[in-house]
Amino acid sequence: MKTVVIGGVAILAVFLLVLLFIPLGIEPLTEVYFENHTTLPAYLFLDKPYNFSFTIHNLEYQEMRYYYTIDAFDENGTFVKNLDKGAIPLHNNESRTTHESFVMDKHFGREDIVVNVTKDLSLETPTFKKKLWWPDPNYPMNIDIHFWAEEITGPTITITNNTA
């Protein structure tokens, strides 16, 4: 009987020791969103400046570097042009808002303006990942947000020669 109790206590101790190495409730994520999405430019004139802002919020439990690109695509998903790109380093639970300004200089009809954010995990390894941690197969390394913009064309005047 004494052996069974000692064995039970040993199993319980091993179980509790293993529990110490399992991170509980940790779900790393990154938020990317437009600031004041109701004011995003939906209709654009050529050669006129437009702006918008987006925010990256680091909730990854580690210091991160985010690379972003802002691209324009046509309705078929064909790349048209790069509007901007950059890198933003953020500590855990830190956020940064980026203000963007752009001008469309060629006729385009309708375009999808895409902000694509790529995570760089190489800056730091958080404590919970040193424990019994396995990577999530559904963990996104790229996050994108987008909005559609349509070109406003002014009236066109066509002059024809109607000489009879």
N, C-alpha and C. Protein backbone atom coordinates (compact mmCIF):
# COMPACT_ATOMS: atom_id res chain seq x y z
N MET A 1 0.81 -1.19 0.00
CA MET A 1 0.00 0.00 0.00
C MET A 1 0.87 1.27 0.00
N LYS A 2 1.94 1.19 0.78
CA LYS A 2 2.86 2.32 0.87
C LYS A 2 3.48 2.61 -0.50
N THR A 3 3.78 1.58 -1.27
CA THR A 3 4.38 1.72 -2.60
C THR A 3 3.40 2.39 -3.56
N VAL A 4 2.12 2.06 -3.46
CA VAL A 4 1.09 2.63 -4.33
C VAL A 4 0.96 4.13 -4.05
N VAL A 5 0.95 4.51 -2.77
CA VAL A 5 0.83 5.92 -2.41
C VAL A 5 2.06 6.70 -2.90
N ILE A 6 3.25 6.15 -2.70
CA ILE A 6 4.47 6.81 -3.16
C ILE A 6 4.45 6.92 -4.69
N GLY A 7 4.03 5.88 -5.37
CA GLY A 7 3.93 5.91 -6.83
C GLY A 7 2.91 6.95 -7.30
N GLY A 8 1.77 7.05 -6.62
CA GLY A 8 0.75 8.03 -6.95
C GLY A 8 1.25 9.45 -6.76
N VAL A 9 1.97 9.70 -5.66
CA VAL A 9 2.53 11.02 -5.40
C VAL A 9 3.58 11.36 -6.44
N ALA A 10 4.39 10.39 -6.84
CA ALA A 10 5.41 10.62 -7.86
C ALA A 10 4.76 10.96 -9.20
N ILE A 11 3.72 10.25 -9.58
CA ILE A 11 3.01 10.52 -10.83
C ILE A 11 2.37 11.91 -10.77
N LEU A 12 1.78 12.26 -9.64
CA LEU A 12 1.17 13.58 -9.47
C LEU A 12 2.23 14.68 -9.56
N ALA A 13 3.40 14.46 -8.97
CA ALA A 13 4.48 15.44 -9.02
C ALA A 13 4.96 15.64 -10.45
N VAL A 14 5.12 14.56 -11.20
CA VAL A 14 5.54 14.65 -12.60
C VAL A 14 4.48 15.40 -13.41
N PHE A 15 3.20 15.09 -13.16
CA PHE A 15 2.11 15.75 -13.86
C PHE A 15 2.12 17.26 -13.59
N LEU A 16 2.29 17.65 -12.33
CA LEU A 16 2.33 19.07 -11.98
C LEU A 16 3.56 19.76 -12.56
N LEU A 17 4.68 19.05 -12.62
CA LEU A 17 5.89 19.60 -13.21
C LEU A 17 5.70 19.86 -14.71
N VAL A 18 5.05 18.94 -15.39
CA VAL A 18 4.76 19.11 -16.82
C VAL A 18 3.82 20.29 -17.02
N LEU A 19 2.83 20.46 -16.14
CA LEU A 19 1.90 21.58 -16.26
C LEU A 19 2.60 22.94 -16.18
N LEU A 20 3.70 23.00 -15.43
CA LEU A 20 4.45 24.25 -15.33
C LEU A 20 5.06 24.66 -16.67
N PHE A 21 5.32 23.71 -17.53
CA PHE A 21 5.96 23.99 -18.81
C PHE A 21 4.98 24.24 -19.95
N ILE A 22 3.70 24.18 -19.66
CA ILE A 22 2.69 24.42 -20.69
C ILE A 22 2.18 25.85 -20.55
N PRO A 23 2.33 26.68 -21.58
CA PRO A 23 1.81 28.05 -21.51
C PRO A 23 0.29 28.03 -21.61
N LEU A 24 -0.37 28.69 -20.67
CA LEU A 24 -1.83 28.68 -20.64
C LEU A 24 -2.38 30.00 -21.18
N GLY A 25 -3.36 29.91 -22.04
CA GLY A 25 -4.06 31.08 -22.52
C GLY A 25 -3.26 32.00 -23.42
N ILE A 26 -2.17 31.53 -23.98
CA ILE A 26 -1.35 32.36 -24.85
C ILE A 26 -1.83 32.17 -26.29
N GLU A 27 -2.27 33.25 -26.90
CA GLU A 27 -2.65 33.21 -28.30
C GLU A 27 -2.08 34.46 -28.97
N PRO A 28 -0.88 34.35 -29.53
CA PRO A 28 -0.28 35.52 -30.16
C PRO A 28 -1.04 35.94 -31.41
N LEU A 29 -1.18 37.25 -31.57
CA LEU A 29 -1.84 37.76 -32.76
C LEU A 29 -1.41 39.19 -33.03
N THR A 30 -1.68 39.63 -34.24
CA THR A 30 -1.40 41.00 -34.66
C THR A 30 -2.68 41.58 -35.22
N GLU A 31 -3.01 42.78 -34.78
CA GLU A 31 -4.17 43.49 -35.33
C GLU A 31 -3.69 44.49 -36.38
N VAL A 32 -4.36 44.50 -37.51
CA VAL A 32 -4.09 45.49 -38.56
C VAL A 32 -5.45 46.02 -38.99
N TYR A 33 -5.62 47.34 -38.92
CA TYR A 33 -6.92 47.92 -39.26
C TYR A 33 -6.75 49.35 -39.75
N PHE A 34 -7.75 49.80 -40.52
CA PHE A 34 -7.78 51.18 -40.99
C PHE A 34 -8.30 52.07 -39.87
N GLU A 35 -7.69 53.21 -39.72
CA GLU A 35 -8.21 54.23 -38.82
C GLU A 35 -9.36 54.94 -39.54
N ASN A 36 -10.46 55.09 -38.87
CA ASN A 36 -11.63 55.78 -39.41
C ASN A 36 -11.96 55.29 -40.82
N HIS A 37 -12.35 54.05 -40.90
CA HIS A 37 -12.59 53.41 -42.20
C HIS A 37 -13.71 54.09 -43.01
N THR A 38 -14.53 54.88 -42.36
CA THR A 38 -15.62 55.54 -43.10
C THR A 38 -15.11 56.68 -43.98
N THR A 39 -13.88 57.11 -43.76
CA THR A 39 -13.33 58.20 -44.58
C THR A 39 -12.33 57.72 -45.63
N LEU A 40 -12.28 56.42 -45.86
CA LEU A 40 -11.38 55.91 -46.90
C LEU A 40 -11.81 56.46 -48.26
N PRO A 41 -10.87 56.85 -49.09
CA PRO A 41 -11.24 57.41 -50.40
C PRO A 41 -11.84 56.34 -51.31
N ALA A 42 -13.07 56.55 -51.72
CA ALA A 42 -13.74 55.58 -52.59
C ALA A 42 -13.78 56.05 -54.04
N TYR A 43 -13.79 57.36 -54.24
CA TYR A 43 -13.84 57.93 -55.58
C TYR A 43 -12.67 58.89 -55.71
N LEU A 44 -11.88 58.71 -56.77
CA LEU A 44 -10.64 59.47 -56.92
C LEU A 44 -10.60 60.21 -58.25
N PHE A 45 -10.04 61.41 -58.21
CA PHE A 45 -9.70 62.14 -59.42
C PHE A 45 -8.22 61.91 -59.69
N LEU A 46 -7.83 61.93 -60.95
CA LEU A 46 -6.42 61.81 -61.30
C LEU A 46 -5.65 63.02 -60.79
N ASP A 47 -4.39 62.78 -60.44
CA ASP A 47 -3.44 63.82 -60.04
C ASP A 47 -3.89 64.63 -58.82
N LYS A 48 -4.73 64.07 -57.98
CA LYS A 48 -5.14 64.73 -56.75
C LYS A 48 -4.70 63.86 -55.57
N PRO A 49 -4.12 64.45 -54.52
CA PRO A 49 -3.64 63.64 -53.40
C PRO A 49 -4.79 63.14 -52.52
N TYR A 50 -4.65 61.90 -52.07
CA TYR A 50 -5.60 61.27 -51.14
C TYR A 50 -4.80 60.64 -50.02
N ASN A 51 -5.46 60.45 -48.87
CA ASN A 51 -4.74 59.85 -47.75
C ASN A 51 -5.64 58.93 -46.95
N PHE A 52 -4.99 58.09 -46.18
CA PHE A 52 -5.65 57.18 -45.24
C PHE A 52 -4.62 56.79 -44.20
N SER A 53 -5.09 56.16 -43.12
CA SER A 53 -4.20 55.72 -42.04
C SER A 53 -4.55 54.28 -41.67
N PHE A 54 -3.52 53.52 -41.34
CA PHE A 54 -3.74 52.17 -40.82
C PHE A 54 -2.87 51.97 -39.59
N THR A 55 -3.32 51.08 -38.72
CA THR A 55 -2.64 50.82 -37.45
C THR A 55 -2.25 49.35 -37.37
N ILE A 56 -1.04 49.11 -36.85
CA ILE A 56 -0.58 47.75 -36.54
C ILE A 56 -0.44 47.68 -35.02
N HIS A 57 -1.08 46.69 -34.41
CA HIS A 57 -1.04 46.51 -32.95
C HIS A 57 -0.43 45.13 -32.67
N ASN A 58 0.70 45.13 -31.98
CA ASN A 58 1.43 43.90 -31.68
C ASN A 58 0.91 43.27 -30.38
N LEU A 59 0.30 42.10 -30.50
CA LEU A 59 -0.14 41.31 -29.36
C LEU A 59 0.48 39.91 -29.44
N GLU A 60 1.74 39.86 -29.86
CA GLU A 60 2.43 38.60 -30.11
C GLU A 60 3.24 38.10 -28.90
N TYR A 61 3.26 38.85 -27.82
CA TYR A 61 4.04 38.52 -26.62
C TYR A 61 5.54 38.52 -26.90
N GLN A 62 5.97 39.27 -27.89
CA GLN A 62 7.38 39.40 -28.20
C GLN A 62 7.58 40.64 -29.07
N GLU A 63 8.82 41.11 -29.12
CA GLU A 63 9.13 42.22 -30.00
C GLU A 63 9.07 41.73 -31.45
N MET A 64 8.46 42.53 -32.30
CA MET A 64 8.27 42.12 -33.70
C MET A 64 8.68 43.26 -34.62
N ARG A 65 9.06 42.87 -35.82
CA ARG A 65 9.26 43.84 -36.90
C ARG A 65 8.23 43.48 -37.97
N TYR A 66 7.52 44.49 -38.42
CA TYR A 66 6.51 44.29 -39.45
C TYR A 66 6.94 45.02 -40.72
N TYR A 67 6.89 44.33 -41.83
CA TYR A 67 7.15 44.94 -43.13
C TYR A 67 5.80 45.12 -43.82
N TYR A 68 5.58 46.29 -44.38
CA TYR A 68 4.31 46.52 -45.05
C TYR A 68 4.55 47.03 -46.47
N THR A 69 3.64 46.68 -47.34
CA THR A 69 3.61 47.22 -48.69
C THR A 69 2.18 47.67 -48.97
N ILE A 70 2.06 48.74 -49.72
CA ILE A 70 0.75 49.24 -50.14
C ILE A 70 0.76 49.22 -51.66
N ASP A 71 -0.08 48.37 -52.22
CA ASP A 71 -0.11 48.15 -53.67
C ASP A 71 -1.51 48.41 -54.21
N ALA A 72 -1.55 48.72 -55.49
CA ALA A 72 -2.82 48.89 -56.20
C ALA A 72 -2.95 47.76 -57.22
N PHE A 73 -4.13 47.15 -57.26
CA PHE A 73 -4.44 46.08 -58.20
C PHE A 73 -5.71 46.45 -58.95
N ASP A 74 -5.80 46.01 -60.21
CA ASP A 74 -7.03 46.27 -60.96
C ASP A 74 -8.09 45.25 -60.58
N GLU A 75 -9.25 45.34 -61.23
CA GLU A 75 -10.37 44.45 -60.89
C GLU A 75 -10.06 42.98 -61.14
N ASN A 76 -9.12 42.68 -62.00
CA ASN A 76 -8.74 41.29 -62.29
C ASN A 76 -7.66 40.77 -61.35
N GLY A 77 -7.19 41.60 -60.43
CA GLY A 77 -6.14 41.20 -59.50
C GLY A 77 -4.75 41.39 -60.06
N THR A 78 -4.63 42.10 -61.17
CA THR A 78 -3.33 42.36 -61.78
C THR A 78 -2.67 43.54 -61.07
N PHE A 79 -1.40 43.36 -60.72
CA PHE A 79 -0.65 44.41 -60.05
C PHE A 79 -0.54 45.64 -60.95
N VAL A 80 -0.84 46.83 -60.39
CA VAL A 80 -0.77 48.07 -61.16
C VAL A 80 0.43 48.88 -60.73
N LYS A 81 0.54 49.17 -59.41
CA LYS A 81 1.68 49.94 -58.94
C LYS A 81 1.82 49.82 -57.43
N ASN A 82 3.06 50.06 -56.97
CA ASN A 82 3.34 50.11 -55.54
C ASN A 82 3.21 51.55 -55.08
N LEU A 83 2.41 51.75 -54.02
CA LEU A 83 2.21 53.10 -53.50
C LEU A 83 3.19 53.44 -52.38
N ASP A 84 3.59 52.44 -51.60
CA ASP A 84 4.54 52.69 -50.51
C ASP A 84 4.95 51.35 -49.91
N LYS A 85 6.05 51.37 -49.16
CA LYS A 85 6.48 50.20 -48.39
C LYS A 85 7.34 50.69 -47.25
N GLY A 86 7.49 49.85 -46.22
CA GLY A 86 8.29 50.25 -45.07
C GLY A 86 8.36 49.15 -44.03
N ALA A 87 9.02 49.46 -42.92
CA ALA A 87 9.16 48.52 -41.81
C ALA A 87 8.83 49.24 -40.51
N ILE A 88 8.18 48.51 -39.60
CA ILE A 88 7.79 49.08 -38.31
C ILE A 88 8.16 48.09 -37.21
N PRO A 89 9.12 48.43 -36.34
CA PRO A 89 9.41 47.57 -35.18
C PRO A 89 8.48 47.95 -34.02
N LEU A 90 7.92 46.93 -33.36
CA LEU A 90 7.01 47.17 -32.24
C LEU A 90 7.31 46.22 -31.09
N HIS A 91 7.26 46.73 -29.87
CA HIS A 91 7.34 45.89 -28.68
C HIS A 91 5.97 45.27 -28.44
N ASN A 92 5.91 44.30 -27.54
CA ASN A 92 4.64 43.67 -27.21
C ASN A 92 3.64 44.71 -26.70
N ASN A 93 2.42 44.60 -27.16
CA ASN A 93 1.30 45.46 -26.79
C ASN A 93 1.51 46.93 -27.19
N GLU A 94 2.34 47.15 -28.17
CA GLU A 94 2.56 48.50 -28.70
C GLU A 94 1.88 48.57 -30.06
N SER A 95 1.41 49.75 -30.41
CA SER A 95 0.80 49.93 -31.73
C SER A 95 1.34 51.21 -32.35
N ARG A 96 1.26 51.26 -33.67
CA ARG A 96 1.71 52.44 -34.40
C ARG A 96 0.77 52.66 -35.58
N THR A 97 0.40 53.92 -35.75
CA THR A 97 -0.46 54.32 -36.86
C THR A 97 0.42 54.94 -37.94
N THR A 98 0.21 54.50 -39.16
CA THR A 98 0.96 55.01 -40.31
C THR A 98 0.00 55.81 -41.19
N HIS A 99 0.39 57.03 -41.50
CA HIS A 99 -0.42 57.90 -42.35
C HIS A 99 0.15 57.84 -43.77
N GLU A 100 -0.69 57.51 -44.70
CA GLU A 100 -0.28 57.35 -46.09
C GLU A 100 -0.96 58.37 -46.98
N SER A 101 -0.23 58.83 -47.95
CA SER A 101 -0.76 59.75 -48.95
C SER A 101 -0.36 59.23 -50.32
N PHE A 102 -1.26 59.31 -51.29
CA PHE A 102 -0.95 58.80 -52.63
C PHE A 102 -1.68 59.63 -53.68
N VAL A 103 -1.17 59.55 -54.89
CA VAL A 103 -1.75 60.23 -56.05
C VAL A 103 -1.84 59.20 -57.17
N MET A 104 -2.98 59.10 -57.79
CA MET A 104 -3.13 58.23 -58.96
C MET A 104 -2.86 59.09 -60.19
N ASP A 105 -1.83 58.70 -60.95
CA ASP A 105 -1.41 59.54 -62.08
C ASP A 105 -1.77 58.96 -63.45
N LYS A 106 -2.37 57.78 -63.48
CA LYS A 106 -2.78 57.18 -64.75
C LYS A 106 -4.24 56.74 -64.63
N HIS A 107 -4.95 56.73 -65.74
CA HIS A 107 -6.35 56.28 -65.73
C HIS A 107 -6.40 54.82 -65.27
N PHE A 108 -7.37 54.52 -64.42
CA PHE A 108 -7.40 53.18 -63.86
C PHE A 108 -8.78 52.55 -63.77
N GLY A 109 -9.85 53.27 -63.83
CA GLY A 109 -11.18 52.67 -63.72
C GLY A 109 -11.52 52.38 -62.27
N ARG A 110 -11.23 51.15 -61.83
CA ARG A 110 -11.50 50.73 -60.45
C ARG A 110 -10.31 49.92 -59.95
N GLU A 111 -9.83 50.25 -58.74
CA GLU A 111 -8.66 49.56 -58.21
C GLU A 111 -8.86 49.15 -56.76
N ASP A 112 -8.15 48.10 -56.40
CA ASP A 112 -8.12 47.58 -55.04
C ASP A 112 -6.81 48.04 -54.40
N ILE A 113 -6.91 48.86 -53.36
CA ILE A 113 -5.73 49.33 -52.64
C ILE A 113 -5.51 48.38 -51.47
N VAL A 114 -4.37 47.68 -51.48
CA VAL A 114 -4.11 46.61 -50.51
C VAL A 114 -2.92 46.98 -49.63
N VAL A 115 -3.13 46.89 -48.31
CA VAL A 115 -2.05 47.03 -47.33
C VAL A 115 -1.72 45.62 -46.88
N ASN A 116 -0.51 45.15 -47.20
CA ASN A 116 -0.07 43.81 -46.83
C ASN A 116 1.02 43.92 -45.77
N VAL A 117 0.82 43.26 -44.63
CA VAL A 117 1.76 43.30 -43.51
C VAL A 117 2.35 41.91 -43.33
N THR A 118 3.69 41.83 -43.31
CA THR A 118 4.40 40.57 -43.11
C THR A 118 5.13 40.62 -41.78
N LYS A 119 5.03 39.54 -41.01
CA LYS A 119 5.66 39.48 -39.69
C LYS A 119 7.08 38.95 -39.78
N ASP A 120 7.97 39.54 -39.00
CA ASP A 120 9.34 39.06 -38.85
C ASP A 120 9.51 38.63 -37.40
N LEU A 121 9.63 37.33 -37.16
CA LEU A 121 9.68 36.79 -35.80
C LEU A 121 11.09 36.68 -35.24
N SER A 122 12.08 37.19 -35.94
CA SER A 122 13.47 36.91 -35.58
C SER A 122 14.05 37.81 -34.50
N LEU A 123 13.34 38.82 -34.04
CA LEU A 123 13.91 39.75 -33.07
C LEU A 123 14.04 39.17 -31.67
N GLU A 124 13.06 38.36 -31.26
CA GLU A 124 13.04 37.89 -29.87
C GLU A 124 12.23 36.61 -29.79
N THR A 125 12.61 35.73 -28.86
CA THR A 125 11.82 34.53 -28.59
C THR A 125 11.19 34.70 -27.21
N PRO A 126 9.86 34.74 -27.13
CA PRO A 126 9.22 34.95 -25.84
C PRO A 126 9.37 33.74 -24.91
N THR A 127 9.20 33.98 -23.63
CA THR A 127 9.38 32.93 -22.62
C THR A 127 8.44 31.75 -22.86
N PHE A 128 7.20 32.01 -23.24
CA PHE A 128 6.26 30.91 -23.40
C PHE A 128 6.66 29.97 -24.54
N LYS A 129 7.40 30.45 -25.54
CA LYS A 129 7.82 29.59 -26.63
C LYS A 129 9.00 28.72 -26.23
N LYS A 130 9.64 29.03 -25.12
CA LYS A 130 10.73 28.19 -24.61
C LYS A 130 10.17 27.02 -23.81
N LYS A 131 8.90 27.07 -23.51
CA LYS A 131 8.25 25.98 -22.79
C LYS A 131 7.77 24.95 -23.81
N LEU A 132 6.82 24.11 -23.42
CA LEU A 132 6.28 23.11 -24.34
C LEU A 132 5.37 23.82 -25.34
N TRP A 133 5.96 24.31 -26.41
CA TRP A 133 5.23 25.12 -27.38
C TRP A 133 5.45 24.54 -28.76
N TRP A 134 4.38 24.39 -29.50
CA TRP A 134 4.49 23.94 -30.87
C TRP A 134 3.79 24.97 -31.75
N PRO A 135 4.30 25.20 -32.94
CA PRO A 135 3.72 26.23 -33.80
C PRO A 135 2.31 25.88 -34.26
N ASP A 136 1.49 26.88 -34.37
CA ASP A 136 0.12 26.72 -34.85
C ASP A 136 0.16 26.68 -36.38
N PRO A 137 -0.35 25.62 -37.00
CA PRO A 137 -0.31 25.54 -38.47
C PRO A 137 -1.19 26.61 -39.14
N ASN A 138 -2.12 27.20 -38.38
CA ASN A 138 -3.00 28.22 -38.93
C ASN A 138 -2.52 29.64 -38.62
N TYR A 139 -1.33 29.77 -38.06
CA TYR A 139 -0.79 31.07 -37.68
C TYR A 139 -0.43 31.86 -38.93
N PRO A 140 -1.05 33.02 -39.14
CA PRO A 140 -0.77 33.79 -40.37
C PRO A 140 0.52 34.59 -40.25
N MET A 141 1.35 34.53 -41.27
CA MET A 141 2.56 35.35 -41.34
C MET A 141 2.31 36.64 -42.13
N ASN A 142 1.24 36.66 -42.91
CA ASN A 142 0.86 37.84 -43.69
C ASN A 142 -0.57 38.22 -43.34
N ILE A 143 -0.78 39.51 -43.20
CA ILE A 143 -2.12 40.03 -42.95
C ILE A 143 -2.36 41.13 -43.97
N ASP A 144 -3.53 41.13 -44.60
CA ASP A 144 -3.79 42.22 -45.53
C ASP A 144 -5.18 42.80 -45.29
N ILE A 145 -5.26 44.08 -45.51
CA ILE A 145 -6.53 44.80 -45.49
C ILE A 145 -6.60 45.61 -46.78
N HIS A 146 -7.79 45.93 -47.22
CA HIS A 146 -7.88 46.61 -48.51
C HIS A 146 -9.16 47.43 -48.61
N PHE A 147 -9.19 48.31 -49.59
CA PHE A 147 -10.41 49.04 -49.93
C PHE A 147 -10.39 49.28 -51.44
N TRP A 148 -11.58 49.48 -51.99
CA TRP A 148 -11.72 49.72 -53.42
C TRP A 148 -11.86 51.21 -53.68
N ALA A 149 -11.27 51.66 -54.78
CA ALA A 149 -11.36 53.06 -55.20
C ALA A 149 -11.69 53.10 -56.69
N GLU A 150 -12.53 54.03 -57.04
CA GLU A 150 -12.97 54.15 -58.43
C GLU A 150 -12.61 55.53 -58.96
N GLU A 151 -12.17 55.57 -60.20
CA GLU A 151 -11.78 56.83 -60.81
C GLU A 151 -13.02 57.62 -61.23
N ILE A 152 -12.99 58.91 -60.92
CA ILE A 152 -14.05 59.81 -61.38
C ILE A 152 -13.51 60.53 -62.60
N THR A 153 -14.20 60.37 -63.68
CA THR A 153 -13.79 61.08 -64.89
C THR A 153 -14.77 62.20 -65.14
N GLY A 154 -14.24 63.34 -65.45
CA GLY A 154 -15.10 64.49 -65.73
C GLY A 154 -15.80 64.33 -67.06
N PRO A 155 -16.66 65.26 -67.38
CA PRO A 155 -17.35 65.17 -68.67
C PRO A 155 -16.37 65.34 -69.82
N THR A 156 -16.65 64.65 -70.90
CA THR A 156 -15.81 64.78 -72.08
C THR A 156 -16.57 65.55 -73.16
N ILE A 157 -15.86 66.37 -73.82
CA ILE A 157 -16.46 67.16 -74.90
C ILE A 157 -15.91 66.64 -76.22
N THR A 158 -16.80 66.28 -77.08
CA THR A 158 -16.41 65.79 -78.39
C THR A 158 -16.87 66.80 -79.45
N ILE A 159 -15.95 67.29 -80.19
CA ILE A 159 -16.26 68.27 -81.22
C ILE A 159 -16.24 67.54 -82.57
N THR A 160 -17.34 67.64 -83.24
CA THR A 160 -17.40 67.03 -84.58
C THR A 160 -17.68 68.12 -85.60
N ASN A 161 -17.22 67.92 -86.76
CA ASN A 161 -17.42 68.86 -87.86
C ASN A 161 -18.62 68.39 -88.65
N ASN A 162 -19.73 69.11 -88.51
CA ASN A 162 -20.96 68.74 -89.22
C ASN A 162 -21.20 69.71 -90.39
N THR A 163 -20.36 69.67 -91.32
CA THR A 163 -20.57 70.51 -92.49
C THR A 163 -21.32 69.69 -93.52
N ALA A 164 -22.34 70.30 -94.02
CA ALA A 164 -23.17 69.57 -94.98
C ALA A 164 -22.80 69.91 -96.40
